[in-house]
Amino acid sequence: MQYREFKKWLLIHGVALTNDKRGSRQLIRLGDKTSVFLNDGSKEIGTALVNQIKKDLNSK
């Protein structure tokens, strides 16, 4: 899965993205849960990182 595909998945599931002041980092929020998303576009995102972000947001 690419970063941009995962970003689309997050947006479909109601996650709010806000830009951080540092390059490609974005703060993601779902309710009162937060995590950091590194938006690297067409690069592949690791399965462990996807699972960690989903765990941080309590999303499946």
Protein backbone atom coordinates (compact mmCIF):
# COMPACT_ATOMS: atom_id res chain seq x y z
CA MET A 1 0.00 0.00 0.00
CA GLN A 2 1.24 3.48 -0.81
CA TYR A 3 1.08 6.45 1.55
CA ARG A 4 -1.46 8.25 -0.66
CA GLU A 5 -3.72 5.18 -0.72
CA PHE A 6 -3.62 4.94 3.08
CA LYS A 7 -4.36 8.67 3.32
CA LYS A 8 -7.51 8.12 1.20
CA TRP A 9 -8.49 5.22 3.47
CA LEU A 10 -8.06 7.46 6.53
CA LEU A 11 -10.20 10.23 5.02
CA ILE A 12 -12.97 7.76 4.11
CA HIS A 13 -13.05 6.65 7.75
CA GLY A 14 -13.51 10.22 9.03
CA VAL A 15 -9.99 11.05 10.15
CA ALA A 16 -9.09 14.76 10.31
CA LEU A 17 -5.66 15.65 8.92
CA THR A 18 -3.80 18.80 9.98
CA ASN A 19 -0.41 19.88 8.70
CA ASP A 20 2.48 19.88 11.10
CA LYS A 21 5.13 22.55 10.75
CA ARG A 22 7.72 19.97 9.71
CA GLY A 23 7.75 18.88 6.09
CA SER A 24 5.61 15.87 5.28
CA ARG A 25 4.27 15.16 8.78
CA GLN A 26 0.55 15.43 9.38
CA LEU A 27 -1.28 15.11 12.68
CA ILE A 28 -4.29 12.80 12.35
CA ARG A 29 -7.26 12.78 14.70
CA LEU A 30 -10.25 10.56 15.13
CA GLY A 31 -12.38 11.71 18.04
CA ASP A 32 -10.01 12.21 20.96
CA LYS A 33 -7.31 9.87 19.55
CA THR A 34 -4.26 11.25 17.72
CA SER A 35 -1.33 9.91 15.75
CA VAL A 36 1.30 11.21 13.31
CA PHE A 37 1.13 10.43 9.59
CA LEU A 38 4.20 10.81 7.39
CA ASN A 39 2.90 11.68 3.94
CA ASP A 40 5.49 10.37 1.47
CA GLY A 41 3.14 10.12 -1.53
CA SER A 42 3.99 7.24 -3.83
CA LYS A 43 6.38 5.42 -1.47
CA GLU A 44 5.28 2.15 0.06
CA ILE A 45 4.09 2.24 3.66
CA GLY A 46 5.01 -0.67 5.89
CA THR A 47 2.34 -2.97 7.27
CA ALA A 48 3.58 -2.43 10.81
CA LEU A 49 3.15 1.36 10.49
CA VAL A 50 -0.38 0.97 9.10
CA ASN A 51 -1.29 -1.33 11.98
CA GLN A 52 0.25 1.05 14.55
CA ILE A 53 -1.71 4.04 13.23
CA LYS A 54 -4.93 2.01 13.21
CA LYS A 55 -4.19 0.89 16.78
CA ASP A 56 -3.50 4.48 17.88
CA LEU A 57 -6.88 5.55 16.47
CA ASN A 58 -8.76 2.41 17.59
CA SER A 59 -9.84 1.87 13.98
CA LYS A 60 -10.01 -1.38 11.99
